[in-house]
């Protein structure tokens, strides 16, 4: 009798723990603005990493200036597009 009760309790506990309460695989669709925000965050992180590596002596001056300019231009384009989308 005790073994049956333990088995039922175990099955009920496992069902409670692992039974999905809602569809965990459904995600809301990302908008263009969500994508741009994520991209902006990634670019800012890349700029921080670039500055750190430059100060550590891993980048020559010319490469640092070129890479920084490219990242800043991309960030400016993303910010401009975000402003356009937020106004609409």
PDB file of N, CA and C in Angstrom:
ATOM      1  N   UNK A   1       0.830  -1.196   0.000  1.00  0.00           N
ATOM      2  CA  UNK A   1       0.000   0.000   0.000  1.00  0.00           C
ATOM      3  C   UNK A   1       0.873   1.259   0.000  1.00  0.00           C
ATOM      4  N   UNK A   2       1.924   1.254   0.795  1.00  0.00           N
ATOM      5  CA  UNK A   2       2.813   2.408   0.868  1.00  0.00           C
ATOM      6  C   UNK A   2       3.543   2.651  -0.438  1.00  0.00           C
ATOM      7  N   UNK A   3       3.864   1.574  -1.145  1.00  0.00           N
ATOM      8  CA  UNK A   3       4.556   1.685  -2.420  1.00  0.00           C
ATOM      9  C   UNK A   3       3.648   2.317  -3.478  1.00  0.00           C
ATOM     10  N   UNK A   4       2.397   1.965  -3.478  1.00  0.00           N
ATOM     11  CA  UNK A   4       1.428   2.528  -4.416  1.00  0.00           C
ATOM     12  C   UNK A   4       1.235   4.014  -4.126  1.00  0.00           C
ATOM     13  N   UNK A   5       1.128   4.364  -2.882  1.00  0.00           N
ATOM     14  CA  UNK A   5       0.958   5.767  -2.503  1.00  0.00           C
ATOM     15  C   UNK A   5       2.189   6.588  -2.893  1.00  0.00           C
ATOM     16  N   UNK A   6       3.374   6.020  -2.701  1.00  0.00           N
ATOM     17  CA  UNK A   6       4.602   6.722  -3.078  1.00  0.00           C
ATOM     18  C   UNK A   6       4.678   6.901  -4.591  1.00  0.00           C
ATOM     19  N   UNK A   7       4.255   5.877  -5.343  1.00  0.00           N
ATOM     20  CA  UNK A   7       4.269   5.969  -6.806  1.00  0.00           C
ATOM     21  C   UNK A   7       3.286   7.033  -7.290  1.00  0.00           C
ATOM     22  N   UNK A   8       2.112   7.065  -6.706  1.00  0.00           N
ATOM     23  CA  UNK A   8       1.104   8.066  -7.089  1.00  0.00           C
ATOM     24  C   UNK A   8       1.594   9.468  -6.753  1.00  0.00           C
ATOM     25  N   UNK A   9       2.181   9.620  -5.567  1.00  0.00           N
ATOM     26  CA  UNK A   9       2.706  10.916  -5.159  1.00  0.00           C
ATOM     27  C   UNK A   9       3.841  11.360  -6.087  1.00  0.00           C
ATOM     28  N   UNK A  10       4.704  10.428  -6.473  1.00  0.00           N
ATOM     29  CA  UNK A  10       5.810  10.745  -7.384  1.00  0.00           C
ATOM     30  C   UNK A  10       5.284  11.160  -8.748  1.00  0.00           C
ATOM     31  N   UNK A  11       4.347  10.421  -9.283  1.00  0.00           N
ATOM     32  CA  UNK A  11       3.769  10.750 -10.596  1.00  0.00           C
ATOM     33  C   UNK A  11       3.065  12.096 -10.549  1.00  0.00           C
ATOM     34  N   UNK A  12       2.316  12.350  -9.493  1.00  0.00           N
ATOM     35  CA  UNK A  12       1.618  13.625  -9.369  1.00  0.00           C
ATOM     36  C   UNK A  12       2.609  14.782  -9.248  1.00  0.00           C
ATOM     37  N   UNK A  13       3.675  14.582  -8.498  1.00  0.00           N
ATOM     38  CA  UNK A  13       4.691  15.637  -8.345  1.00  0.00           C
ATOM     39  C   UNK A  13       5.377  15.936  -9.673  1.00  0.00           C
ATOM     40  N   UNK A  14       5.746  14.878 -10.394  1.00  0.00           N
ATOM     41  CA  UNK A  14       6.399  15.070 -11.689  1.00  0.00           C
ATOM     42  C   UNK A  14       5.460  15.737 -12.699  1.00  0.00           C
ATOM     43  N   UNK A  15       4.201  15.333 -12.676  1.00  0.00           N
ATOM     44  CA  UNK A  15       3.236  15.955 -13.577  1.00  0.00           C
ATOM     45  C   UNK A  15       3.072  17.440 -13.254  1.00  0.00           C
ATOM     46  N   UNK A  16       3.030  17.770 -11.980  1.00  0.00           N
ATOM     47  CA  UNK A  16       2.900  19.172 -11.584  1.00  0.00           C
ATOM     48  C   UNK A  16       4.122  19.987 -12.000  1.00  0.00           C
ATOM     49  N   UNK A  17       5.299  19.420 -11.853  1.00  0.00           N
ATOM     50  CA  UNK A  17       6.533  20.142 -12.167  1.00  0.00           C
ATOM     51  C   UNK A  17       6.710  20.329 -13.662  1.00  0.00           C
ATOM     52  N   UNK A  18       6.479  19.287 -14.426  1.00  0.00           N
ATOM     53  CA  UNK A  18       6.814  19.328 -15.841  1.00  0.00           C
ATOM     54  C   UNK A  18       5.639  19.598 -16.769  1.00  0.00           C
ATOM     55  N   UNK A  19       4.434  19.673 -16.276  1.00  0.00           N
ATOM     56  CA  UNK A  19       3.274  19.943 -17.128  1.00  0.00           C
ATOM     57  C   UNK A  19       3.264  21.418 -17.509  1.00  0.00           C
ATOM     58  N   UNK A  20       3.285  21.717 -18.808  1.00  0.00           N
ATOM     59  CA  UNK A  20       3.321  23.136 -19.209  1.00  0.00           C
ATOM     60  C   UNK A  20       1.992  23.812 -18.910  1.00  0.00           C
ATOM     61  N   UNK A  21       2.079  24.941 -18.238  1.00  0.00           N
ATOM     62  CA  UNK A  21       0.856  25.660 -17.892  1.00  0.00           C
ATOM     63  C   UNK A  21       0.327  26.464 -19.075  1.00  0.00           C
ATOM     64  N   UNK A  22       1.198  26.764 -19.994  1.00  0.00           N
ATOM     65  CA  UNK A  22       0.802  27.481 -21.209  1.00  0.00           C
ATOM     66  C   UNK A  22       1.766  27.062 -22.304  1.00  0.00           C
ATOM     67  N   UNK A  23       1.482  27.443 -23.484  1.00  0.00           N
ATOM     68  CA  UNK A  23       2.344  27.068 -24.603  1.00  0.00           C
ATOM     69  C   UNK A  23       3.635  27.868 -24.518  1.00  0.00           C
ATOM     70  N   UNK A  24       4.679  27.218 -24.050  1.00  0.00           N
ATOM     71  CA  UNK A  24       5.945  27.915 -23.852  1.00  0.00           C
ATOM     72  C   UNK A  24       6.705  28.123 -25.153  1.00  0.00           C
ATOM     73  N   UNK A  25       6.241  27.509 -26.240  1.00  0.00           N
ATOM     74  CA  UNK A  25       6.932  27.620 -27.513  1.00  0.00           C
ATOM     75  C   UNK A  25       6.420  28.782 -28.358  1.00  0.00           C
ATOM     76  N   UNK A  26       5.348  29.392 -27.935  1.00  0.00           N
ATOM     77  CA  UNK A  26       4.838  30.526 -28.696  1.00  0.00           C
ATOM     78  C   UNK A  26       5.547  31.796 -28.239  1.00  0.00           C
ATOM     79  N   UNK A  27       5.952  32.576 -29.191  1.00  0.00           N
ATOM     80  CA  UNK A  27       6.610  33.840 -28.904  1.00  0.00           C
ATOM     81  C   UNK A  27       5.892  34.923 -29.687  1.00  0.00           C
ATOM     82  N   UNK A  28       5.935  36.089 -29.143  1.00  0.00           N
ATOM     83  CA  UNK A  28       5.334  37.170 -29.900  1.00  0.00           C
ATOM     84  C   UNK A  28       6.264  37.517 -31.044  1.00  0.00           C
ATOM     85  N   UNK A  29       5.676  37.958 -32.107  1.00  0.00           N
ATOM     86  CA  UNK A  29       6.476  38.312 -33.278  1.00  0.00           C
ATOM     87  C   UNK A  29       7.284  39.560 -32.978  1.00  0.00           C
ATOM     88  N   UNK A  30       8.538  39.540 -33.364  1.00  0.00           N
ATOM     89  CA  UNK A  30       9.388  40.706 -33.154  1.00  0.00           C
ATOM     90  C   UNK A  30       9.089  41.739 -34.220  1.00  0.00           C
ATOM     91  N   UNK A  31       9.011  42.948 -33.775  1.00  0.00           N
ATOM     92  CA  UNK A  31       8.814  44.037 -34.716  1.00  0.00           C
ATOM     93  C   UNK A  31      10.171  44.528 -35.201  1.00  0.00           C
ATOM     94  N   UNK A  32      10.140  45.355 -36.197  1.00  0.00           N
ATOM     95  CA  UNK A  32      11.383  45.936 -36.712  1.00  0.00           C
ATOM     96  C   UNK A  32      12.056  46.771 -35.614  1.00  0.00           C
ATOM     97  N   UNK A  33      11.256  47.441 -34.807  1.00  0.00           N
ATOM     98  CA  UNK A  33      11.791  48.270 -33.726  1.00  0.00           C
ATOM     99  C   UNK A  33      12.497  47.404 -32.675  1.00  0.00           C
ATOM    100  N   UNK A  34      11.929  46.241 -32.355  1.00  0.00           N
ATOM    101  CA  UNK A  34      12.585  45.326 -31.416  1.00  0.00           C
ATOM    102  C   UNK A  34      13.936  44.874 -31.965  1.00  0.00           C
ATOM    103  N   UNK A  35      13.953  44.534 -33.248  1.00  0.00           N
ATOM    104  CA  UNK A  35      15.211  44.113 -33.872  1.00  0.00           C
ATOM    105  C   UNK A  35      16.246  45.228 -33.808  1.00  0.00           C
ATOM    106  N   UNK A  36      15.825  46.461 -34.096  1.00  0.00           N
ATOM    107  CA  UNK A  36      16.759  47.586 -34.092  1.00  0.00           C
ATOM    108  C   UNK A  36      17.301  47.851 -32.688  1.00  0.00           C
ATOM    109  N   UNK A  37      16.459  47.705 -31.686  1.00  0.00           N
ATOM    110  CA  UNK A  37      16.932  47.895 -30.308  1.00  0.00           C
ATOM    111  C   UNK A  37      17.993  46.857 -29.944  1.00  0.00           C
ATOM    112  N   UNK A  38      17.757  45.615 -30.334  1.00  0.00           N
ATOM    113  CA  UNK A  38      18.746  44.576 -30.061  1.00  0.00           C
ATOM    114  C   UNK A  38      20.048  44.848 -30.816  1.00  0.00           C
ATOM    115  N   UNK A  39      19.932  45.285 -32.049  1.00  0.00           N
ATOM    116  CA  UNK A  39      21.118  45.567 -32.854  1.00  0.00           C
ATOM    117  C   UNK A  39      21.906  46.738 -32.268  1.00  0.00           C
ATOM    118  N   UNK A  40      21.180  47.763 -31.803  1.00  0.00           N
ATOM    119  CA  UNK A  40      21.829  48.925 -31.181  1.00  0.00           C
ATOM    120  C   UNK A  40      22.602  48.500 -29.938  1.00  0.00           C
ATOM    121  N   UNK A  41      21.999  47.660 -29.112  1.00  0.00           N
ATOM    122  CA  UNK A  41      22.688  47.164 -27.917  1.00  0.00           C
ATOM    123  C   UNK A  41      23.948  46.389 -28.290  1.00  0.00           C
ATOM    124  N   UNK A  42      23.865  45.582 -29.346  1.00  0.00           N
ATOM    125  CA  UNK A  42      25.031  44.807 -29.780  1.00  0.00           C
ATOM    126  C   UNK A  42      26.141  45.723 -30.292  1.00  0.00           C
ATOM    127  N   UNK A  43      25.773  46.764 -30.996  1.00  0.00           N
ATOM    128  CA  UNK A  43      26.780  47.704 -31.514  1.00  0.00           C
ATOM    129  C   UNK A  43      27.448  48.445 -30.367  1.00  0.00           C
ATOM    130  N   UNK A  44      26.665  48.879 -29.386  1.00  0.00           N
ATOM    131  CA  UNK A  44      27.265  49.559 -28.237  1.00  0.00           C
ATOM    132  C   UNK A  44      28.218  48.638 -27.477  1.00  0.00           C
ATOM    133  N   UNK A  45      27.840  47.375 -27.363  1.00  0.00           N
ATOM    134  CA  UNK A  45      28.726  46.417 -26.710  1.00  0.00           C
ATOM    135  C   UNK A  45      30.006  46.233 -27.527  1.00  0.00           C
ATOM    136  N   UNK A  46      29.872  46.185 -28.843  1.00  0.00           N
ATOM    137  CA  UNK A  46      31.056  46.071 -29.702  1.00  0.00           C
ATOM    138  C   UNK A  46      31.956  47.297 -29.567  1.00  0.00           C
ATOM    139  N   UNK A  47      31.368  48.476 -29.444  1.00  0.00           N
ATOM    140  CA  UNK A  47      32.170  49.685 -29.243  1.00  0.00           C
ATOM    141  C   UNK A  47      32.927  49.636 -27.912  1.00  0.00           C
ATOM    142  N   UNK A  48      32.258  49.178 -26.869  1.00  0.00           N
ATOM    143  CA  UNK A  48      32.931  49.052 -25.565  1.00  0.00           C
ATOM    144  C   UNK A  48      34.094  48.066 -25.654  1.00  0.00           C
ATOM    145  N   UNK A  49      33.849  46.930 -26.318  1.00  0.00           N
ATOM    146  CA  UNK A  49      34.918  45.940 -26.474  1.00  0.00           C
ATOM    147  C   UNK A  49      36.070  46.497 -27.299  1.00  0.00           C
ATOM    148  N   UNK A  50      35.745  47.226 -28.360  1.00  0.00           N
ATOM    149  CA  UNK A  50      36.773  47.807 -29.210  1.00  0.00           C
ATOM    150  C   UNK A  50      37.626  48.799 -28.428  1.00  0.00           C
ATOM    151  N   UNK A  51      36.989  49.656 -27.652  1.00  0.00           N
ATOM    152  CA  UNK A  51      37.732  50.620 -26.832  1.00  0.00           C
ATOM    153  C   UNK A  51      38.636  49.913 -25.824  1.00  0.00           C
ATOM    154  N   UNK A  52      38.111  48.861 -25.197  1.00  0.00           N
ATOM    155  CA  UNK A  52      38.901  48.121 -24.224  1.00  0.00           C
ATOM    156  C   UNK A  52      40.126  47.483 -24.886  1.00  0.00           C
ATOM    157  N   UNK A  53      39.902  46.849 -26.034  1.00  0.00           N
ATOM    158  CA  UNK A  53      41.010  46.178 -26.709  1.00  0.00           C
ATOM    159  C   UNK A  53      42.027  47.176 -27.255  1.00  0.00           C
ATOM    160  N   UNK A  54      41.561  48.344 -27.671  1.00  0.00           N
ATOM    161  CA  UNK A  54      42.484  49.371 -28.140  1.00  0.00           C
ATOM    162  C   UNK A  54      43.362  49.865 -26.988  1.00  0.00           C
ATOM    163  N   UNK A  55      42.729  50.101 -25.840  1.00  0.00           N
ATOM    164  CA  UNK A  55      43.497  50.570 -24.681  1.00  0.00           C
ATOM    165  C   UNK A  55      44.456  49.494 -24.162  1.00  0.00           C
ATOM    166  N   UNK A  56      44.126  48.234 -24.433  1.00  0.00           N
ATOM    167  CA  UNK A  56      45.009  47.141 -24.021  1.00  0.00           C
ATOM    168  C   UNK A  56      46.155  46.936 -25.009  1.00  0.00           C
ATOM    169  N   UNK A  57      46.125  47.675 -26.113  1.00  0.00           N
ATOM    170  CA  UNK A  57      47.204  47.592 -27.085  1.00  0.00           C
ATOM    171  C   UNK A  57      47.038  46.513 -28.137  1.00  0.00           C
ATOM    172  N   UNK A  58      45.821  46.006 -28.310  1.00  0.00           N
ATOM    173  CA  UNK A  58      45.597  44.941 -29.276  1.00  0.00           C
ATOM    174  C   UNK A  58      45.284  45.457 -30.681  1.00  0.00           C
ATOM    175  N   UNK A  59      44.937  46.738 -30.802  1.00  0.00           N
ATOM    176  CA  UNK A  59      44.587  47.326 -32.093  1.00  0.00           C
ATOM    177  C   UNK A  59      45.537  48.466 -32.418  1.00  0.00           C
ATOM    178  N   UNK A  60      46.012  48.520 -33.656  1.00  0.00           N
ATOM    179  CA  UNK A  60      46.768  49.706 -34.080  1.00  0.00           C
ATOM    180  C   UNK A  60      45.807  50.897 -34.262  1.00  0.00           C
ATOM    181  N   UNK A  61      46.338  52.073 -34.226  1.00  0.00           N
ATOM    182  CA  UNK A  61      45.540  53.307 -34.299  1.00  0.00           C
ATOM    183  C   UNK A  61      44.656  53.344 -35.548  1.00  0.00           C
ATOM    184  N   UNK A  62      45.206  52.962 -36.699  1.00  0.00           N
ATOM    185  CA  UNK A  62      44.447  53.058 -37.953  1.00  0.00           C
ATOM    186  C   UNK A  62      43.260  52.096 -37.955  1.00  0.00           C
ATOM    187  N   UNK A  63      43.489  50.868 -37.516  1.00  0.00           N
ATOM    188  CA  UNK A  63      42.402  49.885 -37.472  1.00  0.00           C
ATOM    189  C   UNK A  63      41.328  50.296 -36.472  1.00  0.00           C
ATOM    190  N   UNK A  64      41.759  50.822 -35.347  1.00  0.00           N
ATOM    191  CA  UNK A  64      40.812  51.278 -34.328  1.00  0.00           C
ATOM    192  C   UNK A  64      39.927  52.394 -34.870  1.00  0.00           C
ATOM    193  N   UNK A  65      40.542  53.366 -35.528  1.00  0.00           N
ATOM    194  CA  UNK A  65      39.771  54.497 -36.055  1.00  0.00           C
ATOM    195  C   UNK A  65      38.796  54.036 -37.127  1.00  0.00           C
ATOM    196  N   UNK A  66      39.226  53.139 -37.994  1.00  0.00           N
ATOM    197  CA  UNK A  66      38.347  52.636 -39.050  1.00  0.00           C
ATOM    198  C   UNK A  66      37.178  51.860 -38.472  1.00  0.00           C
ATOM    199  N   UNK A  67      37.470  50.937 -37.576  1.00  0.00           N
ATOM    200  CA  UNK A  67      36.420  50.105 -36.981  1.00  0.00           C
ATOM    201  C   UNK A  67      35.457  50.938 -36.152  1.00  0.00           C
ATOM    202  N   UNK A  68      35.984  51.889 -35.400  1.00  0.00           N
ATOM    203  CA  UNK A  68      35.124  52.752 -34.593  1.00  0.00           C
ATOM    204  C   UNK A  68      34.205  53.584 -35.482  1.00  0.00           C
ATOM    205  N   UNK A  69      34.744  54.114 -36.577  1.00  0.00           N
ATOM    206  CA  UNK A  69      33.920  54.885 -37.504  1.00  0.00           C
ATOM    207  C   UNK A  69      32.800  54.062 -38.109  1.00  0.00           C
ATOM    208  N   UNK A  70      33.106  52.828 -38.486  1.00  0.00           N
ATOM    209  CA  UNK A  70      32.074  51.954 -39.052  1.00  0.00           C
ATOM    210  C   UNK A  70      30.972  51.660 -38.037  1.00  0.00           C
ATOM    211  N   UNK A  71      31.370  51.354 -36.807  1.00  0.00           N
ATOM    212  CA  UNK A  71      30.376  51.063 -35.775  1.00  0.00           C
ATOM    213  C   UNK A  71      29.541  52.291 -35.430  1.00  0.00           C
ATOM    214  N   UNK A  72      30.173  53.450 -35.363  1.00  0.00           N
ATOM    215  CA  UNK A  72      29.420  54.677 -35.064  1.00  0.00           C
ATOM    216  C   UNK A  72      28.451  55.025 -36.188  1.00  0.00           C
ATOM    217  N   UNK A  73      28.863  54.820 -37.437  1.00  0.00           N
ATOM    218  CA  UNK A  73      27.958  55.079 -38.561  1.00  0.00           C
ATOM    219  C   UNK A  73      26.766  54.127 -38.534  1.00  0.00           C
ATOM    220  N   UNK A  74      27.029  52.869 -38.247  1.00  0.00           N
ATOM    221  CA  UNK A  74      25.940  51.905 -38.174  1.00  0.00           C
ATOM    222  C   UNK A  74      24.980  52.252 -37.032  1.00  0.00           C
ATOM    223  N   UNK A  75      25.531  52.656 -35.906  1.00  0.00           N
ATOM    224  CA  UNK A  75      24.688  53.051 -34.771  1.00  0.00           C
ATOM    225  C   UNK A  75      23.847  54.275 -35.125  1.00  0.00           C
ATOM    226  N   UNK A  76      24.427  55.232 -35.829  1.00  0.00           N
ATOM    227  CA  UNK A  76      23.678  56.427 -36.221  1.00  0.00           C
ATOM    228  C   UNK A  76      22.546  56.070 -37.173  1.00  0.00           C
ATOM    229  N   UNK A  77      22.807  55.165 -38.115  1.00  0.00           N
ATOM    230  CA  UNK A  77      21.755  54.741 -39.049  1.00  0.00           C
ATOM    231  C   UNK A  77      20.623  54.033 -38.317  1.00  0.00           C
ATOM    232  N   UNK A  78      20.980  53.204 -37.359  1.00  0.00           N
ATOM    233  CA  UNK A  78      19.959  52.488 -36.595  1.00  0.00           C
ATOM    234  C   UNK A  78      19.138  53.454 -35.760  1.00  0.00           C
ATOM    235  N   UNK A  79      19.809  54.413 -35.122  1.00  0.00           N
ATOM    236  CA  UNK A  79      19.079  55.397 -34.311  1.00  0.00           C
ATOM    237  C   UNK A  79      18.135  56.230 -35.172  1.00  0.00           C
ATOM    238  N   UNK A  80      18.562  56.589 -36.374  1.00  0.00           N
ATOM    239  CA  UNK A  80      17.714  57.365 -37.271  1.00  0.00           C
ATOM    240  C   UNK A  80      16.487  56.546 -37.670  1.00  0.00           C
ATOM    241  N   UNK A  81      16.682  55.273 -37.983  1.00  0.00           N
ATOM    242  CA  UNK A  81      15.552  54.436 -38.349  1.00  0.00           C
ATOM    243  C   UNK A  81      14.617  54.219 -37.163  1.00  0.00           C
ATOM    244  N   UNK A  82      15.181  54.085 -35.967  1.00  0.00           N
ATOM    245  CA  UNK A  82      14.345  53.937 -34.775  1.00  0.00           C
ATOM    246  C   UNK A  82      13.494  55.177 -34.547  1.00  0.00           C
ATOM    247  N   UNK A  83      14.096  56.356 -34.732  1.00  0.00           N
ATOM    248  CA  UNK A  83      13.323  57.602 -34.582  1.00  0.00           C
ATOM    249  C   UNK A  83      12.191  57.673 -35.574  1.00  0.00           C
ATOM    250  N   UNK A  84      12.459  57.269 -36.806  1.00  0.00           N
ATOM    251  CA  UNK A  84      11.428  57.271 -37.836  1.00  0.00           C
ATOM    252  C   UNK A  84      10.282  56.335 -37.470  1.00  0.00           C
ATOM    253  N   UNK A  85      10.616  55.125 -37.008  1.00  0.00           N
ATOM    254  CA  UNK A  85       9.583  54.159 -36.650  1.00  0.00           C
ATOM    255  C   UNK A  85       8.798  54.581 -35.411  1.00  0.00           C
ATOM    256  N   UNK A  86       9.462  55.207 -34.452  1.00  0.00           N
ATOM    257  CA  UNK A  86       8.767  55.624 -33.234  1.00  0.00           C
ATOM    258  C   UNK A  86       7.819  56.773 -33.494  1.00  0.00           C
ATOM    259  N   UNK A  87       8.128  57.606 -34.453  1.00  0.00           N
ATOM    260  CA  UNK A  87       7.235  58.716 -34.795  1.00  0.00           C
ATOM    261  C   UNK A  87       5.995  58.245 -35.532  1.00  0.00           C
ATOM    262  N   UNK A  88       6.127  57.157 -36.273  1.00  0.00           N
ATOM    263  CA  UNK A  88       5.001  56.651 -37.081  1.00  0.00           C
ATOM    264  C   UNK A  88       3.976  55.905 -36.241  1.00  0.00           C
TER     265      UNK A  88
END
